[in-house]
């Protein structure tokens, strides 16, 4: 039986329906209909008491959600080549290709990074994130390429996760974004939460959101797009894609937050650098990944530069 999840309701949520507010929380991966089923079965408690599906929040309540048992899932290791940048007894750093899903999910039962890791590492992966996400400390989207860190044991996982929570974990990206930026550098500080209508999307919102900060620098400008260096101060779901779309400069090829772009499948976004303190040695390690071929091809297709720095 999974551990129950607890949520403290802020005063600002007073008047909202409980089910609608809960599904907007990042950490609760249930649809609204699935959540209502849990409520009908008495698995959602408000101040330790079950409530009706139409319960409206008053603010300040403590919500407990008793999760269903996970469906049995047998992960079979797959001999998928991995681009390993670094590896030791505690962790490994992998350069994930564009198009690879990080862990199994509906519609992606095979061929994921996790399947490849199981083949390479066997049982030497941390178990904190459960059976379908062994070793996974942080994620990048399927169509985002670049560096990911994987923990081989729970101690390393806890150390690395704590660094992410403390915002001391270096994460730097490269992106091609639509349009011309008036400012050479800038900071986007705008809270991100679930989209009120489309649960698969995130958006900039003051409701049920978390602070999100992205720093950017224009490396080169073209007639229709800009080439950017971005540094994450926080790590919200789809943060760069949401923040750039919020500015009116969606990532090139991002059909979810912008629009498709000829010759590109998915967003033109690359996790170029990660840095962290090693959980055992205490040394700071930093790794970089050069732009993949698909990205350099996109930049060449944008034509001559009209500004920016190298």
C-alpha atoms as a PDB file:
ATOM      1  CA  UNK A   1       0.000   0.000   0.000  1.00  0.00           C
ATOM      2  CA  UNK A   2       1.539   3.377  -0.973  1.00  0.00           C
ATOM      3  CA  UNK A   3       2.000   6.046   1.674  1.00  0.00           C
ATOM      4  CA  UNK A   4      -0.936   8.532   1.775  1.00  0.00           C
ATOM      5  CA  UNK A   5      -0.341  12.039   0.458  1.00  0.00           C
ATOM      6  CA  UNK A   6      -1.069  15.134   2.541  1.00  0.00           C
ATOM      7  CA  UNK A   7      -1.947  18.635   1.337  1.00  0.00           C
ATOM      8  CA  UNK A   8      -2.328  21.783   3.421  1.00  0.00           C
ATOM      9  CA  UNK A   9      -4.992  23.990   1.861  1.00  0.00           C
ATOM     10  CA  UNK A  10      -4.031  27.683   1.665  1.00  0.00           C
ATOM     11  CA  UNK A  11      -6.542  30.314   2.734  1.00  0.00           C
ATOM     12  CA  UNK A  12      -6.559  31.616  -0.853  1.00  0.00           C
ATOM     13  CA  UNK A  13      -8.184  28.356  -2.036  1.00  0.00           C
ATOM     14  CA  UNK A  14     -11.370  28.959  -0.004  1.00  0.00           C
ATOM     15  CA  UNK A  15     -14.485  28.462  -2.116  1.00  0.00           C
ATOM     16  CA  UNK A  16     -12.904  26.102  -4.633  1.00  0.00           C
ATOM     17  CA  UNK A  17     -14.143  22.558  -5.153  1.00  0.00           C
ATOM     18  CA  UNK A  18     -11.853  20.078  -3.431  1.00  0.00           C
ATOM     19  CA  UNK A  19     -11.534  17.757  -6.444  1.00  0.00           C
ATOM     20  CA  UNK A  20     -10.645  20.604  -8.811  1.00  0.00           C
ATOM     21  CA  UNK A  21      -8.061  22.013  -6.417  1.00  0.00           C
ATOM     22  CA  UNK A  22      -6.438  18.650  -5.774  1.00  0.00           C
ATOM     23  CA  UNK A  23      -5.937  17.731  -9.427  1.00  0.00           C
ATOM     24  CA  UNK A  24      -4.103  21.033  -9.923  1.00  0.00           C
ATOM     25  CA  UNK A  25      -1.383  19.930  -7.497  1.00  0.00           C
ATOM     26  CA  UNK A  26       1.835  18.867  -9.241  1.00  0.00           C
ATOM     27  CA  UNK A  27       2.528  15.870  -7.030  1.00  0.00           C
ATOM     28  CA  UNK A  28      -0.890  14.222  -7.386  1.00  0.00           C
ATOM     29  CA  UNK A  29      -0.918  12.338 -10.667  1.00  0.00           C
ATOM     30  CA  UNK A  30      -4.623  11.464 -10.781  1.00  0.00           C
ATOM     31  CA  UNK A  31      -7.306  12.571 -13.198  1.00  0.00           C
ATOM     32  CA  UNK A  32     -10.333  14.340 -11.788  1.00  0.00           C
ATOM     33  CA  UNK A  33     -12.567  11.334 -12.460  1.00  0.00           C
ATOM     34  CA  UNK A  34     -10.087   8.990 -10.744  1.00  0.00           C
ATOM     35  CA  UNK A  35      -9.941  11.341  -7.782  1.00  0.00           C
ATOM     36  CA  UNK A  36     -13.754  11.433  -7.546  1.00  0.00           C
ATOM     37  CA  UNK A  37     -13.737   7.643  -7.458  1.00  0.00           C
ATOM     38  CA  UNK A  38     -11.303   7.764  -4.534  1.00  0.00           C
ATOM     39  CA  UNK A  39     -13.635  10.234  -2.798  1.00  0.00           C
ATOM     40  CA  UNK A  40     -16.616   7.921  -3.295  1.00  0.00           C
ATOM     41  CA  UNK A  41     -14.610   5.116  -1.681  1.00  0.00           C
ATOM     42  CA  UNK A  42     -13.730   7.299   1.319  1.00  0.00           C
ATOM     43  CA  UNK A  43     -10.065   7.600   0.404  1.00  0.00           C
ATOM     44  CA  UNK A  44      -9.971  11.403   0.455  1.00  0.00           C
ATOM     45  CA  UNK A  45     -10.183  12.854   3.957  1.00  0.00           C
ATOM     46  CA  UNK A  46     -10.592  16.459   5.053  1.00  0.00           C
ATOM     47  CA  UNK A  47      -9.325  16.965   8.585  1.00  0.00           C
ATOM     48  CA  UNK A  48      -9.402  13.147   8.945  1.00  0.00           C
ATOM     49  CA  UNK A  49     -13.057  12.835   7.791  1.00  0.00           C
ATOM     50  CA  UNK A  50     -14.483  11.721   4.420  1.00  0.00           C
ATOM     51  CA  UNK A  51     -16.386  14.338   2.416  1.00  0.00           C
ATOM     52  CA  UNK A  52     -18.765  14.469  -0.548  1.00  0.00           C
ATOM     53  CA  UNK A  53     -17.514  14.921  -4.109  1.00  0.00           C
ATOM     54  CA  UNK A  54     -18.868  18.469  -4.252  1.00  0.00           C
ATOM     55  CA  UNK A  55     -17.108  19.605  -1.062  1.00  0.00           C
ATOM     56  CA  UNK A  56     -15.907  23.210  -1.218  1.00  0.00           C
ATOM     57  CA  UNK A  57     -12.784  24.279   0.611  1.00  0.00           C
ATOM     58  CA  UNK A  58     -12.874  26.717   3.495  1.00  0.00           C
ATOM     59  CA  UNK A  59      -9.124  27.293   3.665  1.00  0.00           C
ATOM     60  CA  UNK A  60      -6.680  25.852   6.170  1.00  0.00           C
ATOM     61  CA  UNK A  61      -7.840  22.223   5.948  1.00  0.00           C
ATOM     62  CA  UNK A  62      -5.483  19.266   5.948  1.00  0.00           C
ATOM     63  CA  UNK A  63      -6.265  16.908   3.070  1.00  0.00           C
ATOM     64  CA  UNK A  64      -5.233  13.258   3.087  1.00  0.00           C
ATOM     65  CA  UNK A  65      -5.390  11.217  -0.129  1.00  0.00           C
ATOM     66  CA  UNK A  66      -5.073   7.446   0.189  1.00  0.00           C
ATOM     67  CA  UNK A  67      -3.624   6.256  -3.105  1.00  0.00           C
ATOM     68  CA  UNK A  68      -4.611   3.046  -4.883  1.00  0.00           C
ATOM     69  CA  UNK A  69      -2.192   0.164  -5.019  1.00  0.00           C
ATOM     70  CA  UNK A  70      -0.016   0.458  -8.128  1.00  0.00           C
ATOM     71  CA  UNK A  71      -0.904  -1.843 -10.982  1.00  0.00           C
ATOM     72  CA  UNK A  72       1.584  -4.691 -11.336  1.00  0.00           C
ATOM     73  CA  UNK A  73       4.187  -3.802 -13.918  1.00  0.00           C
ATOM     74  CA  UNK A  74       7.047  -5.989 -14.992  1.00  0.00           C
ATOM     75  CA  UNK A  75       9.875  -4.000 -16.494  1.00  0.00           C
ATOM     76  CA  UNK A  76      12.042  -6.059 -18.804  1.00  0.00           C
ATOM     77  CA  UNK A  77      15.561  -4.663 -19.337  1.00  0.00           C
ATOM     78  CA  UNK A  78      16.233  -3.716 -22.954  1.00  0.00           C
ATOM     79  CA  UNK A  79      19.609  -3.563 -24.664  1.00  0.00           C
ATOM     80  CA  UNK A  80      19.284   0.045 -25.793  1.00  0.00           C
ATOM     81  CA  UNK A  81      22.588   1.913 -26.317  1.00  0.00           C
ATOM     82  CA  UNK A  82      23.304   4.616 -23.740  1.00  0.00           C
ATOM     83  CA  UNK A  83      25.529   7.662 -24.172  1.00  0.00           C
ATOM     84  CA  UNK A  84      27.138   7.635 -20.711  1.00  0.00           C
ATOM     85  CA  UNK A  85      29.078  10.797 -19.910  1.00  0.00           C
ATOM     86  CA  UNK A  86      30.151   9.748 -16.411  1.00  0.00           C
ATOM     87  CA  UNK A  87      29.681   6.751 -14.117  1.00  0.00           C
ATOM     88  CA  UNK A  88      30.829   5.583 -10.687  1.00  0.00           C
ATOM     89  CA  UNK A  89      29.428   3.443  -7.832  1.00  0.00           C
ATOM     90  CA  UNK A  90      26.914   6.142  -6.809  1.00  0.00           C
ATOM     91  CA  UNK A  91      25.577   7.627 -10.014  1.00  0.00           C
ATOM     92  CA  UNK A  92      25.826   8.048 -13.731  1.00  0.00           C
ATOM     93  CA  UNK A  93      25.260  10.966 -16.087  1.00  0.00           C
ATOM     94  CA  UNK A  94      23.527  10.104 -19.349  1.00  0.00           C
ATOM     95  CA  UNK A  95      23.147  12.113 -22.547  1.00  0.00           C
ATOM     96  CA  UNK A  96      19.535  11.375 -23.543  1.00  0.00           C
ATOM     97  CA  UNK A  97      18.640  11.578 -27.230  1.00  0.00           C
ATOM     98  CA  UNK A  98      15.672  13.529 -28.496  1.00  0.00           C
ATOM     99  CA  UNK A  99      12.592  11.329 -28.765  1.00  0.00           C
ATOM    100  CA  UNK A 100      13.385   8.973 -25.861  1.00  0.00           C
ATOM    101  CA  UNK A 101      10.901   8.838 -22.979  1.00  0.00           C
ATOM    102  CA  UNK A 102      12.571   8.815 -19.543  1.00  0.00           C
ATOM    103  CA  UNK A 103      10.323   6.289 -17.757  1.00  0.00           C
ATOM    104  CA  UNK A 104       7.313   4.085 -18.584  1.00  0.00           C
ATOM    105  CA  UNK A 105       3.990   5.894 -18.899  1.00  0.00           C
ATOM    106  CA  UNK A 106       0.690   5.290 -20.698  1.00  0.00           C
ATOM    107  CA  UNK A 107       1.539   4.759 -24.352  1.00  0.00           C
ATOM    108  CA  UNK A 108       5.238   4.200 -23.589  1.00  0.00           C
ATOM    109  CA  UNK A 109       5.530   0.757 -22.029  1.00  0.00           C
ATOM    110  CA  UNK A 110       8.855  -0.099 -23.700  1.00  0.00           C
ATOM    111  CA  UNK A 111      11.909   1.608 -25.134  1.00  0.00           C
ATOM    112  CA  UNK A 112      12.382   4.113 -22.325  1.00  0.00           C
ATOM    113  CA  UNK A 113      15.568   5.294 -20.641  1.00  0.00           C
ATOM    114  CA  UNK A 114      14.590   3.225 -17.587  1.00  0.00           C
ATOM    115  CA  UNK A 115      14.506   0.044 -19.681  1.00  0.00           C
ATOM    116  CA  UNK A 116      18.002   0.847 -20.950  1.00  0.00           C
ATOM    117  CA  UNK A 117      19.262   1.621 -17.431  1.00  0.00           C
ATOM    118  CA  UNK A 118      17.933  -1.683 -16.095  1.00  0.00           C
ATOM    119  CA  UNK A 119      19.922  -3.525 -18.754  1.00  0.00           C
ATOM    120  CA  UNK A 120      23.085  -1.536 -18.033  1.00  0.00           C
ATOM    121  CA  UNK A 121      22.890  -1.344 -14.227  1.00  0.00           C
ATOM    122  CA  UNK A 122      20.820  -4.364 -13.250  1.00  0.00           C
ATOM    123  CA  UNK A 123      19.613  -3.947  -9.668  1.00  0.00           C
ATOM    124  CA  UNK A 124      22.133  -1.163  -8.956  1.00  0.00           C
ATOM    125  CA  UNK A 125      19.595   1.670  -9.117  1.00  0.00           C
ATOM    126  CA  UNK A 126      17.934   3.642  -6.325  1.00  0.00           C
ATOM    127  CA  UNK A 127      14.403   2.594  -5.412  1.00  0.00           C
ATOM    128  CA  UNK A 128      13.069   5.841  -3.940  1.00  0.00           C
ATOM    129  CA  UNK A 129      10.891   6.644  -6.960  1.00  0.00           C
ATOM    130  CA  UNK A 130       9.364   3.175  -7.116  1.00  0.00           C
ATOM    131  CA  UNK A 131       9.511   0.329  -9.579  1.00  0.00           C
ATOM    132  CA  UNK A 132       8.760   2.308 -12.753  1.00  0.00           C
ATOM    133  CA  UNK A 133      11.277   5.096 -12.083  1.00  0.00           C
ATOM    134  CA  UNK A 134      14.342   3.351 -10.611  1.00  0.00           C
ATOM    135  CA  UNK A 135      17.300   5.704 -10.346  1.00  0.00           C
ATOM    136  CA  UNK A 136      15.446   8.681 -11.804  1.00  0.00           C
ATOM    137  CA  UNK A 137      16.264  11.824  -9.800  1.00  0.00           C
ATOM    138  CA  UNK A 138      15.012  14.392 -12.321  1.00  0.00           C
ATOM    139  CA  UNK A 139      13.441  14.268 -15.763  1.00  0.00           C
ATOM    140  CA  UNK A 140      13.493  16.015 -19.100  1.00  0.00           C
ATOM    141  CA  UNK A 141      10.742  15.808 -21.699  1.00  0.00           C
ATOM    142  CA  UNK A 142      10.704  13.193 -24.448  1.00  0.00           C
ATOM    143  CA  UNK A 143      11.618  15.684 -27.169  1.00  0.00           C
ATOM    144  CA  UNK A 144      14.223  17.493 -25.064  1.00  0.00           C
ATOM    145  CA  UNK A 145      17.731  16.132 -25.546  1.00  0.00           C
ATOM    146  CA  UNK A 146      20.658  16.315 -23.162  1.00  0.00           C
ATOM    147  CA  UNK A 147      22.027  15.490 -19.741  1.00  0.00           C
ATOM    148  CA  UNK A 148      20.278  13.517 -17.008  1.00  0.00           C
ATOM    149  CA  UNK A 149      21.634  12.306 -13.709  1.00  0.00           C
ATOM    150  CA  UNK A 150      20.766   8.818 -12.412  1.00  0.00           C
ATOM    151  CA  UNK A 151      21.263   7.564  -8.834  1.00  0.00           C
ATOM    152  CA  UNK A 152      22.496   4.033  -8.165  1.00  0.00           C
ATOM    153  CA  UNK A 153      21.544   3.949  -4.489  1.00  0.00           C
ATOM    154  CA  UNK A 154      19.091   5.640  -2.146  1.00  0.00           C
ATOM    155  CA  UNK A 155      21.763   7.608  -0.291  1.00  0.00           C
ATOM    156  CA  UNK A 156      22.965   9.220  -3.508  1.00  0.00           C
ATOM    157  CA  UNK A 157      19.373   9.812  -4.594  1.00  0.00           C
ATOM    158  CA  UNK A 158      18.522  11.627  -1.360  1.00  0.00           C
ATOM    159  CA  UNK A 159      21.641  13.812  -1.572  1.00  0.00           C
ATOM    160  CA  UNK A 160      21.025  14.802  -5.181  1.00  0.00           C
ATOM    161  CA  UNK A 161      17.318  15.440  -4.604  1.00  0.00           C
ATOM    162  CA  UNK A 162      18.178  17.700  -1.660  1.00  0.00           C
ATOM    163  CA  UNK A 163      20.451  19.755  -3.904  1.00  0.00           C
ATOM    164  CA  UNK A 164      17.653  20.187  -6.413  1.00  0.00           C
ATOM    165  CA  UNK A 165      15.273  21.281  -3.661  1.00  0.00           C
ATOM    166  CA  UNK A 166      17.865  23.779  -2.373  1.00  0.00           C
ATOM    167  CA  UNK A 167      18.346  25.199  -5.906  1.00  0.00           C
ATOM    168  CA  UNK A 168      22.077  24.445  -5.698  1.00  0.00           C
ATOM    169  CA  UNK A 169      21.965  22.060  -8.661  1.00  0.00           C
ATOM    170  CA  UNK A 170      23.305  23.593 -11.911  1.00  0.00           C
ATOM    171  CA  UNK A 171      21.008  23.170 -14.910  1.00  0.00           C
ATOM    172  CA  UNK A 172      21.741  25.024 -18.115  1.00  0.00           C
ATOM    173  CA  UNK A 173      19.879  24.641 -21.400  1.00  0.00           C
ATOM    174  CA  UNK A 174      20.100  25.799 -25.003  1.00  0.00           C
ATOM    175  CA  UNK A 175      16.945  26.660 -26.913  1.00  0.00           C
ATOM    176  CA  UNK A 176      15.859  28.137 -30.199  1.00  0.00           C
ATOM    177  CA  UNK A 177      12.862  30.384 -29.551  1.00  0.00           C
ATOM    178  CA  UNK A 178      10.505  32.258 -31.852  1.00  0.00           C
ATOM    179  CA  UNK A 179      11.008  35.980 -32.408  1.00  0.00           C
ATOM    180  CA  UNK A 180      13.500  38.686 -31.518  1.00  0.00           C
ATOM    181  CA  UNK A 181      14.307  39.512 -27.888  1.00  0.00           C
ATOM    182  CA  UNK A 182      14.619  43.222 -27.104  1.00  0.00           C
ATOM    183  CA  UNK A 183      16.743  42.511 -24.021  1.00  0.00           C
ATOM    184  CA  UNK A 184      20.019  40.596 -24.370  1.00  0.00           C
ATOM    185  CA  UNK A 185      19.590  39.055 -20.908  1.00  0.00           C
ATOM    186  CA  UNK A 186      16.679  38.724 -18.530  1.00  0.00           C
ATOM    187  CA  UNK A 187      14.970  36.817 -15.758  1.00  0.00           C
ATOM    188  CA  UNK A 188      11.494  35.321 -15.979  1.00  0.00           C
ATOM    189  CA  UNK A 189       9.980  35.069 -12.513  1.00  0.00           C
ATOM    190  CA  UNK A 190       6.425  33.798 -12.880  1.00  0.00           C
ATOM    191  CA  UNK A 191       4.654  31.044 -10.882  1.00  0.00           C
ATOM    192  CA  UNK A 192       3.709  27.853 -12.702  1.00  0.00           C
ATOM    193  CA  UNK A 193       0.784  25.522 -12.012  1.00  0.00           C
ATOM    194  CA  UNK A 194      -1.515  23.112 -13.801  1.00  0.00           C
ATOM    195  CA  UNK A 195      -3.544  24.506 -16.668  1.00  0.00           C
ATOM    196  CA  UNK A 196      -7.134  25.036 -15.441  1.00  0.00           C
ATOM    197  CA  UNK A 197      -8.642  23.180 -18.407  1.00  0.00           C
ATOM    198  CA  UNK A 198      -5.966  20.928 -19.932  1.00  0.00           C
ATOM    199  CA  UNK A 199      -4.354  18.874 -17.136  1.00  0.00           C
ATOM    200  CA  UNK A 200      -1.537  17.750 -19.439  1.00  0.00           C
ATOM    201  CA  UNK A 201      -0.342  21.337 -19.735  1.00  0.00           C
ATOM    202  CA  UNK A 202       1.177  23.805 -17.304  1.00  0.00           C
ATOM    203  CA  UNK A 203       0.721  27.563 -17.325  1.00  0.00           C
ATOM    204  CA  UNK A 204       1.739  30.768 -15.587  1.00  0.00           C
ATOM    205  CA  UNK A 205      -0.881  31.297 -12.901  1.00  0.00           C
ATOM    206  CA  UNK A 206      -1.259  32.637  -9.385  1.00  0.00           C
ATOM    207  CA  UNK A 207      -3.673  29.836  -8.436  1.00  0.00           C
ATOM    208  CA  UNK A 208      -2.321  26.613  -6.936  1.00  0.00           C
ATOM    209  CA  UNK A 209       1.109  27.342  -8.345  1.00  0.00           C
ATOM    210  CA  UNK A 210       4.735  27.270  -7.273  1.00  0.00           C
ATOM    211  CA  UNK A 211       7.426  29.936  -7.772  1.00  0.00           C
ATOM    212  CA  UNK A 212       9.453  29.491 -10.947  1.00  0.00           C
ATOM    213  CA  UNK A 213      12.532  31.426 -12.050  1.00  0.00           C
ATOM    214  CA  UNK A 214      14.369  31.148 -15.377  1.00  0.00           C
ATOM    215  CA  UNK A 215      17.383  33.248 -16.415  1.00  0.00           C
ATOM    216  CA  UNK A 216      18.110  33.695 -20.126  1.00  0.00           C
ATOM    217  CA  UNK A 217      20.773  35.148 -22.405  1.00  0.00           C
ATOM    218  CA  UNK A 218      20.508  35.663 -26.152  1.00  0.00           C
ATOM    219  CA  UNK A 219      23.502  34.013 -27.837  1.00  0.00           C
ATOM    220  CA  UNK A 220      22.462  34.820 -31.394  1.00  0.00           C
ATOM    221  CA  UNK A 221      19.524  36.499 -33.126  1.00  0.00           C
ATOM    222  CA  UNK A 222      18.070  35.607 -36.511  1.00  0.00           C
ATOM    223  CA  UNK A 223      15.269  37.041 -38.627  1.00  0.00           C
ATOM    224  CA  UNK A 224      12.546  34.839 -37.122  1.00  0.00           C
ATOM    225  CA  UNK A 225      14.105  33.262 -34.060  1.00  0.00           C
ATOM    226  CA  UNK A 226      16.724  33.561 -31.311  1.00  0.00           C
ATOM    227  CA  UNK A 227      19.298  31.157 -29.921  1.00  0.00           C
ATOM    228  CA  UNK A 228      19.331  31.191 -26.115  1.00  0.00           C
ATOM    229  CA  UNK A 229      21.278  30.035 -23.092  1.00  0.00           C
ATOM    230  CA  UNK A 230      18.928  29.400 -20.144  1.00  0.00           C
ATOM    231  CA  UNK A 231      19.641  28.635 -16.517  1.00  0.00           C
ATOM    232  CA  UNK A 232      17.028  27.166 -14.216  1.00  0.00           C
ATOM    233  CA  UNK A 233      16.809  28.462 -10.677  1.00  0.00           C
ATOM    234  CA  UNK A 234      13.784  26.241 -10.021  1.00  0.00           C
ATOM    235  CA  UNK A 235      12.700  23.057 -11.783  1.00  0.00           C
ATOM    236  CA  UNK A 236       8.969  23.089 -12.489  1.00  0.00           C
ATOM    237  CA  UNK A 237       7.335  20.826 -15.068  1.00  0.00           C
ATOM    238  CA  UNK A 238       7.834  22.268 -18.586  1.00  0.00           C
ATOM    239  CA  UNK A 239       9.331  25.403 -16.977  1.00  0.00           C
ATOM    240  CA  UNK A 240      11.388  26.718 -19.901  1.00  0.00           C
ATOM    241  CA  UNK A 241       8.668  25.948 -22.430  1.00  0.00           C
ATOM    242  CA  UNK A 242       5.984  27.642 -20.311  1.00  0.00           C
ATOM    243  CA  UNK A 243       8.098  30.681 -19.432  1.00  0.00           C
ATOM    244  CA  UNK A 244       9.214  31.361 -23.000  1.00  0.00           C
ATOM    245  CA  UNK A 245       5.652  30.980 -24.282  1.00  0.00           C
ATOM    246  CA  UNK A 246       4.545  33.386 -21.542  1.00  0.00           C
ATOM    247  CA  UNK A 247       7.013  35.946 -22.929  1.00  0.00           C
ATOM    248  CA  UNK A 248       5.582  35.455 -26.400  1.00  0.00           C
ATOM    249  CA  UNK A 249       8.656  33.521 -27.583  1.00  0.00           C
ATOM    250  CA  UNK A 250       7.700  29.819 -27.552  1.00  0.00           C
ATOM    251  CA  UNK A 251      10.420  27.242 -28.153  1.00  0.00           C
ATOM    252  CA  UNK A 252      10.773  26.478 -31.840  1.00  0.00           C
ATOM    253  CA  UNK A 253       8.757  23.383 -32.735  1.00  0.00           C
ATOM    254  CA  UNK A 254       6.815  23.283 -29.446  1.00  0.00           C
ATOM    255  CA  UNK A 255       3.319  22.453 -30.682  1.00  0.00           C
ATOM    256  CA  UNK A 256       1.957  22.285 -27.101  1.00  0.00           C
ATOM    257  CA  UNK A 257       2.835  25.824 -26.004  1.00  0.00           C
ATOM    258  CA  UNK A 258       3.451  27.342 -29.424  1.00  0.00           C
ATOM    259  CA  UNK A 259       3.152  25.786 -32.853  1.00  0.00           C
ATOM    260  CA  UNK A 260       4.889  23.219 -35.002  1.00  0.00           C
ATOM    261  CA  UNK A 261       7.870  24.326 -37.078  1.00  0.00           C
ATOM    262  CA  UNK A 262       8.826  22.846 -40.474  1.00  0.00           C
ATOM    263  CA  UNK A 263      11.530  20.214 -40.223  1.00  0.00           C
ATOM    264  CA  UNK A 264      11.395  19.866 -36.420  1.00  0.00           C
ATOM    265  CA  UNK A 265       9.704  17.131 -34.411  1.00  0.00           C
ATOM    266  CA  UNK A 266       9.012  18.526 -30.973  1.00  0.00           C
ATOM    267  CA  UNK A 267      10.664  21.451 -29.221  1.00  0.00           C
ATOM    268  CA  UNK A 268      14.226  22.584 -30.013  1.00  0.00           C
ATOM    269  CA  UNK A 269      15.532  22.359 -26.454  1.00  0.00           C
ATOM    270  CA  UNK A 270      18.746  20.796 -25.136  1.00  0.00           C
ATOM    271  CA  UNK A 271      19.949  20.188 -21.561  1.00  0.00           C
ATOM    272  CA  UNK A 272      23.536  21.327 -22.130  1.00  0.00           C
ATOM    273  CA  UNK A 273      25.067  21.419 -18.640  1.00  0.00           C
ATOM    274  CA  UNK A 274      24.522  19.951 -15.186  1.00  0.00           C
ATOM    275  CA  UNK A 275      26.567  20.420 -12.044  1.00  0.00           C
ATOM    276  CA  UNK A 276      26.243  19.022  -8.526  1.00  0.00           C
ATOM    277  CA  UNK A 277      28.147  18.052  -5.387  1.00  0.00           C
ATOM    278  CA  UNK A 278      29.051  14.385  -5.414  1.00  0.00           C
ATOM    279  CA  UNK A 279      27.132  12.596  -2.627  1.00  0.00           C
ATOM    280  CA  UNK A 280      30.196  10.650  -1.426  1.00  0.00           C
ATOM    281  CA  UNK A 281      33.314  12.678  -2.228  1.00  0.00           C
ATOM    282  CA  UNK A 282      31.823  16.145  -1.702  1.00  0.00           C
ATOM    283  CA  UNK A 283      33.527  17.355  -4.885  1.00  0.00           C
ATOM    284  CA  UNK A 284      31.638  19.606  -7.281  1.00  0.00           C
ATOM    285  CA  UNK A 285      31.209  17.920 -10.669  1.00  0.00           C
ATOM    286  CA  UNK A 286      30.052  19.600 -13.855  1.00  0.00           C
ATOM    287  CA  UNK A 287      29.341  18.094 -17.261  1.00  0.00           C
ATOM    288  CA  UNK A 288      28.498  19.586 -20.642  1.00  0.00           C
ATOM    289  CA  UNK A 289      26.866  18.162 -23.744  1.00  0.00           C
ATOM    290  CA  UNK A 290      27.509  19.712 -27.179  1.00  0.00           C
ATOM    291  CA  UNK A 291      24.562  20.626 -29.361  1.00  0.00           C
ATOM    292  CA  UNK A 292      23.213  17.527 -31.124  1.00  0.00           C
ATOM    293  CA  UNK A 293      23.015  17.373 -34.902  1.00  0.00           C
ATOM    294  CA  UNK A 294      19.283  18.140 -35.047  1.00  0.00           C
ATOM    295  CA  UNK A 295      19.855  21.399 -33.162  1.00  0.00           C
ATOM    296  CA  UNK A 296      22.782  22.628 -35.252  1.00  0.00           C
ATOM    297  CA  UNK A 297      20.795  21.823 -38.390  1.00  0.00           C
ATOM    298  CA  UNK A 298      17.929  23.977 -37.092  1.00  0.00           C
ATOM    299  CA  UNK A 299      20.301  26.888 -36.428  1.00  0.00           C
ATOM    300  CA  UNK A 300      21.815  26.622 -39.904  1.00  0.00           C
ATOM    301  CA  UNK A 301      18.313  26.703 -41.359  1.00  0.00           C
ATOM    302  CA  UNK A 302      17.568  30.015 -39.622  1.00  0.00           C
ATOM    303  CA  UNK A 303      19.936  31.848 -41.993  1.00  0.00           C
ATOM    304  CA  UNK A 304      22.386  34.636 -41.231  1.00  0.00           C
ATOM    305  CA  UNK A 305      22.670  36.092 -37.736  1.00  0.00           C
ATOM    306  CA  UNK A 306      21.465  39.652 -37.232  1.00  0.00           C
ATOM    307  CA  UNK A 307      22.845  40.115 -33.704  1.00  0.00           C
ATOM    308  CA  UNK A 308      23.758  38.529 -30.394  1.00  0.00           C
ATOM    309  CA  UNK A 309      26.988  37.164 -28.979  1.00  0.00           C
ATOM    310  CA  UNK A 310      28.904  33.947 -29.591  1.00  0.00           C
END
